[in-house]
Amino acid sequence: MALEIHEVRPAVITGTLCNELEEYLRFRHLFRGLYGFELETEKMAPLFERIDPVFAELEKQIAVFLQTLADLAKGIEGKVDHDN
């Protein structure tokens, strides 16, 4: 999602946000493989403290991406209408 695919789509999220989300993916992987009593609260605390701003940034970047797609679609529609 952090990679632009030339002539297909822009990046959905920034590399910075991708790195932050990867921390949550690692936690998910760890959580699924362990029992709850084996988790260390002090290691999880930073993830819990940042979840709201990280999620807000994800929502913002997805909204920008969707708007970009909508703008591209309008441009394509206008080109098709203009060509006819």
PDB file of N, CA and C in Angstrom:
ATOM      1  N   MET A   1       0.808  -1.188   0.000  1.00  0.00           N
ATOM      2  CA  MET A   1       0.000   0.000   0.000  1.00  0.00           C
ATOM      3  C   MET A   1       0.856   1.259   0.000  1.00  0.00           C
ATOM      4  N   ALA A   2       2.102   1.143   0.397  1.00  0.00           N
ATOM      5  CA  ALA A   2       2.973   2.311   0.465  1.00  0.00           C
ATOM      6  C   ALA A   2       3.721   2.546  -0.849  1.00  0.00           C
ATOM      7  N   LEU A   3       3.510   1.674  -1.806  1.00  0.00           N
ATOM      8  CA  LEU A   3       4.199   1.814  -3.088  1.00  0.00           C
ATOM      9  C   LEU A   3       3.269   2.376  -4.152  1.00  0.00           C
ATOM     10  N   GLU A   4       3.793   3.320  -4.904  1.00  0.00           N
ATOM     11  CA  GLU A   4       3.070   3.807  -6.071  1.00  0.00           C
ATOM     12  C   GLU A   4       3.254   2.787  -7.189  1.00  0.00           C
ATOM     13  N   ILE A   5       2.201   2.492  -7.882  1.00  0.00           N
ATOM     14  CA  ILE A   5       2.292   1.622  -9.051  1.00  0.00           C
ATOM     15  C   ILE A   5       2.123   2.530 -10.262  1.00  0.00           C
ATOM     16  N   HIS A   6       3.234   2.802 -10.922  1.00  0.00           N
ATOM     17  CA  HIS A   6       3.270   3.766 -12.021  1.00  0.00           C
ATOM     18  C   HIS A   6       2.174   3.484 -13.046  1.00  0.00           C
ATOM     19  N   GLU A   7       1.452   4.510 -13.373  1.00  0.00           N
ATOM     20  CA  GLU A   7       0.365   4.477 -14.352  1.00  0.00           C
ATOM     21  C   GLU A   7      -0.804   3.576 -13.944  1.00  0.00           C
ATOM     22  N   VAL A   8      -0.836   3.173 -12.679  1.00  0.00           N
ATOM     23  CA  VAL A   8      -1.955   2.371 -12.181  1.00  0.00           C
ATOM     24  C   VAL A   8      -2.629   3.083 -11.015  1.00  0.00           C
ATOM     25  N   ARG A   9      -1.827   3.371  -9.966  1.00  0.00           N
ATOM     26  CA  ARG A   9      -2.380   4.046  -8.808  1.00  0.00           C
ATOM     27  C   ARG A   9      -1.262   4.685  -7.997  1.00  0.00           C
ATOM     28  N   PRO A  10      -1.591   5.748  -7.262  1.00  0.00           N
ATOM     29  CA  PRO A  10      -0.601   6.314  -6.343  1.00  0.00           C
ATOM     30  C   PRO A  10      -0.484   5.440  -5.096  1.00  0.00           C
ATOM     31  N   ALA A  11       0.496   5.718  -4.286  1.00  0.00           N
ATOM     32  CA  ALA A  11       0.605   5.022  -3.001  1.00  0.00           C
ATOM     33  C   ALA A  11      -0.634   5.343  -2.174  1.00  0.00           C
ATOM     34  N   VAL A  12      -1.117   4.378  -1.447  1.00  0.00           N
ATOM     35  CA  VAL A  12      -2.294   4.579  -0.599  1.00  0.00           C
ATOM     36  C   VAL A  12      -1.878   5.275   0.690  1.00  0.00           C
ATOM     37  N   ILE A  13      -0.753   4.852   1.257  1.00  0.00           N
ATOM     38  CA  ILE A  13      -0.248   5.432   2.497  1.00  0.00           C
ATOM     39  C   ILE A  13       1.229   5.765   2.328  1.00  0.00           C
ATOM     40  N   THR A  14       1.741   6.601   3.221  1.00  0.00           N
ATOM     41  CA  THR A  14       3.156   6.962   3.179  1.00  0.00           C
ATOM     42  C   THR A  14       4.017   5.847   3.762  1.00  0.00           C
ATOM     43  N   GLY A  15       5.283   5.895   3.457  1.00  0.00           N
ATOM     44  CA  GLY A  15       6.217   4.927   4.020  1.00  0.00           C
ATOM     45  C   GLY A  15       6.295   5.027   5.533  1.00  0.00           C
ATOM     46  N   THR A  16       6.183   6.247   6.056  1.00  0.00           N
ATOM     47  CA  THR A  16       6.220   6.449   7.505  1.00  0.00           C
ATOM     48  C   THR A  16       5.057   5.740   8.182  1.00  0.00           C
ATOM     49  N   LEU A  17       3.856   5.923   7.644  1.00  0.00           N
ATOM     50  CA  LEU A  17       2.694   5.257   8.215  1.00  0.00           C
ATOM     51  C   LEU A  17       2.810   3.746   8.048  1.00  0.00           C
ATOM     52  N   CYS A  18       3.317   3.312   6.934  1.00  0.00           N
ATOM     53  CA  CYS A  18       3.522   1.874   6.702  1.00  0.00           C
ATOM     54  C   CYS A  18       4.408   1.278   7.794  1.00  0.00           C
ATOM     55  N   ASN A  19       5.491   1.976   8.126  1.00  0.00           N
ATOM     56  CA  ASN A  19       6.388   1.490   9.180  1.00  0.00           C
ATOM     57  C   ASN A  19       5.676   1.403  10.524  1.00  0.00           C
ATOM     58  N   GLU A  20       4.843   2.409  10.820  1.00  0.00           N
ATOM     59  CA  GLU A  20       4.104   2.373  12.084  1.00  0.00           C
ATOM     60  C   GLU A  20       3.110   1.215  12.106  1.00  0.00           C
ATOM     61  N   LEU A  21       2.425   1.006  10.994  1.00  0.00           N
ATOM     62  CA  LEU A  21       1.453  -0.086  10.941  1.00  0.00           C
ATOM     63  C   LEU A  21       2.127  -1.445  11.030  1.00  0.00           C
ATOM     64  N   GLU A  22       3.347  -1.549  10.526  1.00  0.00           N
ATOM     65  CA  GLU A  22       4.074  -2.815  10.618  1.00  0.00           C
ATOM     66  C   GLU A  22       4.303  -3.228  12.064  1.00  0.00           C
ATOM     67  N   GLU A  23       4.462  -2.241  12.961  1.00  0.00           N
ATOM     68  CA  GLU A  23       4.615  -2.561  14.383  1.00  0.00           C
ATOM     69  C   GLU A  23       3.354  -3.255  14.907  1.00  0.00           C
ATOM     70  N   TYR A  24       2.191  -2.791  14.454  1.00  0.00           N
ATOM     71  CA  TYR A  24       0.934  -3.400  14.877  1.00  0.00           C
ATOM     72  C   TYR A  24       0.764  -4.793  14.258  1.00  0.00           C
ATOM     73  N   LEU A  25       1.256  -4.964  13.044  1.00  0.00           N
ATOM     74  CA  LEU A  25       1.203  -6.288  12.425  1.00  0.00           C
ATOM     75  C   LEU A  25       2.084  -7.282  13.185  1.00  0.00           C
ATOM     76  N   ARG A  26       3.256  -6.814  13.609  1.00  0.00           N
ATOM     77  CA  ARG A  26       4.140  -7.690  14.396  1.00  0.00           C
ATOM     78  C   ARG A  26       3.466  -8.068  15.714  1.00  0.00           C
ATOM     79  N   PHE A  27       2.800  -7.082  16.341  1.00  0.00           N
ATOM     80  CA  PHE A  27       2.090  -7.364  17.579  1.00  0.00           C
ATOM     81  C   PHE A  27       0.983  -8.383  17.337  1.00  0.00           C
ATOM     82  N   ARG A  28       0.240  -8.215  16.260  1.00  0.00           N
ATOM     83  CA  ARG A  28      -0.844  -9.144  15.937  1.00  0.00           C
ATOM     84  C   ARG A  28      -0.293 -10.554  15.774  1.00  0.00           C
ATOM     85  N   HIS A  29       0.817 -10.658  15.072  1.00  0.00           N
ATOM     86  CA  HIS A  29       1.440 -11.968  14.863  1.00  0.00           C
ATOM     87  C   HIS A  29       1.840 -12.585  16.208  1.00  0.00           C
ATOM     88  N   LEU A  30       2.447 -11.774  17.062  1.00  0.00           N
ATOM     89  CA  LEU A  30       2.857 -12.245  18.383  1.00  0.00           C
ATOM     90  C   LEU A  30       1.642 -12.638  19.215  1.00  0.00           C
ATOM     91  N   PHE A  31       0.623 -11.801  19.210  1.00  0.00           N
ATOM     92  CA  PHE A  31      -0.581 -12.042  20.007  1.00  0.00           C
ATOM     93  C   PHE A  31      -1.264 -13.337  19.602  1.00  0.00           C
ATOM     94  N   ARG A  32      -1.328 -13.586  18.310  1.00  0.00           N
ATOM     95  CA  ARG A  32      -1.989 -14.808  17.835  1.00  0.00           C
ATOM     96  C   ARG A  32      -1.207 -16.055  18.215  1.00  0.00           C
ATOM     97  N   GLY A  33       0.101 -15.908  18.415  1.00  0.00           N
ATOM     98  CA  GLY A  33       0.926 -17.060  18.721  1.00  0.00           C
ATOM     99  C   GLY A  33       1.139 -17.310  20.205  1.00  0.00           C
ATOM    100  N   LEU A  34       0.694 -16.358  21.038  1.00  0.00           N
ATOM    101  CA  LEU A  34       0.905 -16.488  22.482  1.00  0.00           C
ATOM    102  C   LEU A  34      -0.425 -16.512  23.213  1.00  0.00           C
ATOM    103  N   TYR A  35      -0.363 -16.958  24.419  1.00  0.00           N
ATOM    104  CA  TYR A  35      -1.527 -16.825  25.300  1.00  0.00           C
ATOM    105  C   TYR A  35      -1.456 -15.449  25.947  1.00  0.00           C
ATOM    106  N   GLY A  36      -2.591 -14.870  26.264  1.00  0.00           N
ATOM    107  CA  GLY A  36      -2.652 -13.523  26.825  1.00  0.00           C
ATOM    108  C   GLY A  36      -1.763 -13.304  28.032  1.00  0.00           C
ATOM    109  N   PHE A  37      -1.587 -14.303  28.884  1.00  0.00           N
ATOM    110  CA  PHE A  37      -0.790 -14.121  30.098  1.00  0.00           C
ATOM    111  C   PHE A  37       0.705 -14.024  29.800  1.00  0.00           C
ATOM    112  N   GLU A  38       1.120 -14.344  28.591  1.00  0.00           N
ATOM    113  CA  GLU A  38       2.539 -14.266  28.236  1.00  0.00           C
ATOM    114  C   GLU A  38       2.936 -12.898  27.683  1.00  0.00           C
ATOM    115  N   LEU A  39       1.967 -12.032  27.391  1.00  0.00           N
ATOM    116  CA  LEU A  39       2.262 -10.713  26.845  1.00  0.00           C
ATOM    117  C   LEU A  39       2.850  -9.811  27.921  1.00  0.00           C
ATOM    118  N   GLU A  40       3.791  -8.960  27.513  1.00  0.00           N
ATOM    119  CA  GLU A  40       4.438  -8.048  28.450  1.00  0.00           C
ATOM    120  C   GLU A  40       3.847  -6.659  28.267  1.00  0.00           C
ATOM    121  N   THR A  41       3.170  -6.185  29.306  1.00  0.00           N
ATOM    122  CA  THR A  41       2.459  -4.905  29.244  1.00  0.00           C
ATOM    123  C   THR A  41       3.384  -3.755  28.879  1.00  0.00           C
ATOM    124  N   GLU A  42       4.576  -3.719  29.440  1.00  0.00           N
ATOM    125  CA  GLU A  42       5.484  -2.592  29.183  1.00  0.00           C
ATOM    126  C   GLU A  42       5.920  -2.537  27.715  1.00  0.00           C
ATOM    127  N   LYS A  43       5.936  -3.654  27.034  1.00  0.00           N
ATOM    128  CA  LYS A  43       6.286  -3.655  25.616  1.00  0.00           C
ATOM    129  C   LYS A  43       5.098  -3.268  24.738  1.00  0.00           C
ATOM    130  N   MET A  44       3.898  -3.519  25.238  1.00  0.00           N
ATOM    131  CA  MET A  44       2.689  -3.208  24.466  1.00  0.00           C
ATOM    132  C   MET A  44       2.224  -1.766  24.673  1.00  0.00           C
ATOM    133  N   ALA A  45       2.584  -1.158  25.784  1.00  0.00           N
ATOM    134  CA  ALA A  45       2.093   0.175  26.138  1.00  0.00           C
ATOM    135  C   ALA A  45       2.302   1.213  25.028  1.00  0.00           C
ATOM    136  N   PRO A  46       3.486   1.289  24.407  1.00  0.00           N
ATOM    137  CA  PRO A  46       3.657   2.299  23.345  1.00  0.00           C
ATOM    138  C   PRO A  46       2.682   2.101  22.179  1.00  0.00           C
ATOM    139  N   LEU A  47       2.359   0.863  21.860  1.00  0.00           N
ATOM    140  CA  LEU A  47       1.404   0.607  20.784  1.00  0.00           C
ATOM    141  C   LEU A  47       0.020   1.114  21.169  1.00  0.00           C
ATOM    142  N   PHE A  48      -0.393   0.855  22.388  1.00  0.00           N
ATOM    143  CA  PHE A  48      -1.701   1.312  22.844  1.00  0.00           C
ATOM    144  C   PHE A  48      -1.759   2.828  22.923  1.00  0.00           C
ATOM    145  N   GLU A  49      -0.669   3.452  23.346  1.00  0.00           N
ATOM    146  CA  GLU A  49      -0.631   4.915  23.470  1.00  0.00           C
ATOM    147  C   GLU A  49      -0.726   5.605  22.115  1.00  0.00           C
ATOM    148  N   ARG A  50      -0.229   4.984  21.070  1.00  0.00           N
ATOM    149  CA  ARG A  50      -0.202   5.612  19.737  1.00  0.00           C
ATOM    150  C   ARG A  50      -1.354   5.191  18.836  1.00  0.00           C
ATOM    151  N   ILE A  51      -2.198   4.266  19.273  1.00  0.00           N
ATOM    152  CA  ILE A  51      -3.212   3.712  18.365  1.00  0.00           C
ATOM    153  C   ILE A  51      -4.154   4.780  17.817  1.00  0.00           C
ATOM    154  N   ASP A  52      -4.600   5.720  18.646  1.00  0.00           N
ATOM    155  CA  ASP A  52      -5.542   6.730  18.167  1.00  0.00           C
ATOM    156  C   ASP A  52      -4.930   7.635  17.092  1.00  0.00           C
ATOM    157  N   PRO A  53      -3.741   8.208  17.320  1.00  0.00           N
ATOM    158  CA  PRO A  53      -3.172   9.043  16.254  1.00  0.00           C
ATOM    159  C   PRO A  53      -2.788   8.257  14.998  1.00  0.00           C
ATOM    160  N   VAL A  54      -2.330   7.029  15.167  1.00  0.00           N
ATOM    161  CA  VAL A  54      -1.979   6.210  14.001  1.00  0.00           C
ATOM    162  C   VAL A  54      -3.236   5.898  13.191  1.00  0.00           C
ATOM    163  N   PHE A  55      -4.317   5.532  13.869  1.00  0.00           N
ATOM    164  CA  PHE A  55      -5.561   5.230  13.174  1.00  0.00           C
ATOM    165  C   PHE A  55      -6.120   6.480  12.497  1.00  0.00           C
ATOM    166  N   ALA A  56      -6.037   7.625  13.163  1.00  0.00           N
ATOM    167  CA  ALA A  56      -6.503   8.890  12.564  1.00  0.00           C
ATOM    168  C   ALA A  56      -5.707   9.210  11.305  1.00  0.00           C
ATOM    169  N   GLU A  57      -4.406   8.986  11.344  1.00  0.00           N
ATOM    170  CA  GLU A  57      -3.568   9.243  10.161  1.00  0.00           C
ATOM    171  C   GLU A  57      -3.909   8.265   9.042  1.00  0.00           C
ATOM    172  N   LEU A  58      -4.181   7.021   9.385  1.00  0.00           N
ATOM    173  CA  LEU A  58      -4.584   6.040   8.383  1.00  0.00           C
ATOM    174  C   LEU A  58      -5.890   6.474   7.714  1.00  0.00           C
ATOM    175  N   GLU A  59      -6.853   6.886   8.504  1.00  0.00           N
ATOM    176  CA  GLU A  59      -8.124   7.353   7.941  1.00  0.00           C
ATOM    177  C   GLU A  59      -7.905   8.550   7.012  1.00  0.00           C
ATOM    178  N   LYS A  60      -7.062   9.482   7.442  1.00  0.00           N
ATOM    179  CA  LYS A  60      -6.771  10.678   6.641  1.00  0.00           C
ATOM    180  C   LYS A  60      -6.137  10.292   5.304  1.00  0.00           C
ATOM    181  N   GLN A  61      -5.144   9.410   5.350  1.00  0.00           N
ATOM    182  CA  GLN A  61      -4.437   9.043   4.122  1.00  0.00           C
ATOM    183  C   GLN A  61      -5.327   8.234   3.185  1.00  0.00           C
ATOM    184  N   ILE A  62      -6.187   7.408   3.719  1.00  0.00           N
ATOM    185  CA  ILE A  62      -7.122   6.667   2.868  1.00  0.00           C
ATOM    186  C   ILE A  62      -8.116   7.627   2.227  1.00  0.00           C
ATOM    187  N   ALA A  63      -8.574   8.630   2.978  1.00  0.00           N
ATOM    188  CA  ALA A  63      -9.494   9.631   2.419  1.00  0.00           C
ATOM    189  C   ALA A  63      -8.829  10.400   1.273  1.00  0.00           C
ATOM    190  N   VAL A  64      -7.561  10.763   1.450  1.00  0.00           N
ATOM    191  CA  VAL A  64      -6.823  11.456   0.377  1.00  0.00           C
ATOM    192  C   VAL A  64      -6.694  10.549  -0.840  1.00  0.00           C
ATOM    193  N   PHE A  65      -6.375   9.289  -0.618  1.00  0.00           N
ATOM    194  CA  PHE A  65      -6.244   8.331  -1.711  1.00  0.00           C
ATOM    195  C   PHE A  65      -7.566   8.189  -2.470  1.00  0.00           C
ATOM    196  N   LEU A  66      -8.662   8.045  -1.735  1.00  0.00           N
ATOM    197  CA  LEU A  66      -9.975   7.906  -2.381  1.00  0.00           C
ATOM    198  C   LEU A  66     -10.341   9.165  -3.168  1.00  0.00           C
ATOM    199  N   GLN A  67      -9.999  10.330  -2.623  1.00  0.00           N
ATOM    200  CA  GLN A  67     -10.269  11.572  -3.352  1.00  0.00           C
ATOM    201  C   GLN A  67      -9.432  11.640  -4.620  1.00  0.00           C
ATOM    202  N   THR A  68      -8.196  11.184  -4.534  1.00  0.00           N
ATOM    203  CA  THR A  68      -7.326  11.148  -5.716  1.00  0.00           C
ATOM    204  C   THR A  68      -7.923  10.239  -6.788  1.00  0.00           C
ATOM    205  N   LEU A  69      -8.420   9.084  -6.373  1.00  0.00           N
ATOM    206  CA  LEU A  69      -9.059   8.182  -7.337  1.00  0.00           C
ATOM    207  C   LEU A  69     -10.300   8.827  -7.952  1.00  0.00           C
ATOM    208  N   ALA A  70     -11.086   9.504  -7.135  1.00  0.00           N
ATOM    209  CA  ALA A  70     -12.285  10.177  -7.649  1.00  0.00           C
ATOM    210  C   ALA A  70     -11.901  11.259  -8.652  1.00  0.00           C
ATOM    211  N   ASP A  71     -10.856  12.003  -8.343  1.00  0.00           N
ATOM    212  CA  ASP A  71     -10.386  13.048  -9.263  1.00  0.00           C
ATOM    213  C   ASP A  71      -9.887  12.441 -10.570  1.00  0.00           C
ATOM    214  N   LEU A  72      -9.164  11.337 -10.473  1.00  0.00           N
ATOM    215  CA  LEU A  72      -8.689  10.658 -11.681  1.00  0.00           C
ATOM    216  C   LEU A  72      -9.863  10.152 -12.511  1.00  0.00           C
ATOM    217  N   ALA A  73     -10.873   9.606 -11.848  1.00  0.00           N
ATOM    218  CA  ALA A  73     -12.050   9.103 -12.565  1.00  0.00           C
ATOM    219  C   ALA A  73     -12.762  10.239 -13.284  1.00  0.00           C
ATOM    220  N   LYS A  74     -12.877  11.387 -12.635  1.00  0.00           N
ATOM    221  CA  LYS A  74     -13.502  12.551 -13.281  1.00  0.00           C
ATOM    222  C   LYS A  74     -12.708  12.973 -14.502  1.00  0.00           C
ATOM    223  N   GLY A  75     -11.376  12.921 -14.375  1.00  0.00           N
ATOM    224  CA  GLY A  75     -10.518  13.289 -15.496  1.00  0.00           C
ATOM    225  C   GLY A  75     -10.695  12.332 -16.663  1.00  0.00           C
ATOM    226  N   ILE A  76     -10.833  11.066 -16.364  1.00  0.00           N
ATOM    227  CA  ILE A  76     -11.052  10.048 -17.412  1.00  0.00           C
ATOM    228  C   ILE A  76     -12.411  10.252 -18.046  1.00  0.00           C
ATOM    229  N   GLU A  77     -13.434  10.482 -17.218  1.00  0.00           N
ATOM    230  CA  GLU A  77     -14.787  10.715 -17.756  1.00  0.00           C
ATOM    231  C   GLU A  77     -14.800  11.933 -18.649  1.00  0.00           C
ATOM    232  N   GLY A  78     -14.135  12.993 -18.212  1.00  0.00           N
ATOM    233  CA  GLY A  78     -14.088  14.212 -19.016  1.00  0.00           C
ATOM    234  C   GLY A  78     -13.374  14.000 -20.341  1.00  0.00           C
ATOM    235  N   LYS A  79     -12.322  13.198 -20.320  1.00  0.00           N
ATOM    236  CA  LYS A  79     -11.579  12.904 -21.547  1.00  0.00           C
ATOM    237  C   LYS A  79     -12.432  12.082 -22.495  1.00  0.00           C
ATOM    238  N   VAL A  80     -13.179  11.103 -21.959  1.00  0.00           N
ATOM    239  CA  VAL A  80     -14.039  10.276 -22.789  1.00  0.00           C
ATOM    240  C   VAL A  80     -15.146  11.127 -23.395  1.00  0.00           C
ATOM    241  N   ASP A  81     -15.769  11.981 -22.568  1.00  0.00           N
ATOM    242  CA  ASP A  81     -16.822  12.868 -23.077  1.00  0.00           C
ATOM    243  C   ASP A  81     -16.276  13.826 -24.122  1.00  0.00           C
ATOM    244  N   HIS A  82     -15.068  14.328 -23.900  1.00  0.00           N
ATOM    245  CA  HIS A  82     -14.460  15.289 -24.830  1.00  0.00           C
ATOM    246  C   HIS A  82     -14.097  14.628 -26.152  1.00  0.00           C
ATOM    247  N   ASP A  83     -13.668  13.373 -26.099  1.00  0.00           N
ATOM    248  CA  ASP A  83     -13.273  12.651 -27.308  1.00  0.00           C
ATOM    249  C   ASP A  83     -14.457  12.277 -28.183  1.00  0.00           C
ATOM    250  N   ASN A  84     -15.657  12.207 -27.625  1.00  0.00           N
ATOM    251  CA  ASN A  84     -16.839  11.806 -28.408  1.00  0.00           C
ATOM    252  C   ASN A  84     -17.383  12.953 -29.164  1.00  0.00           C
TER     253      ASN A  84
END
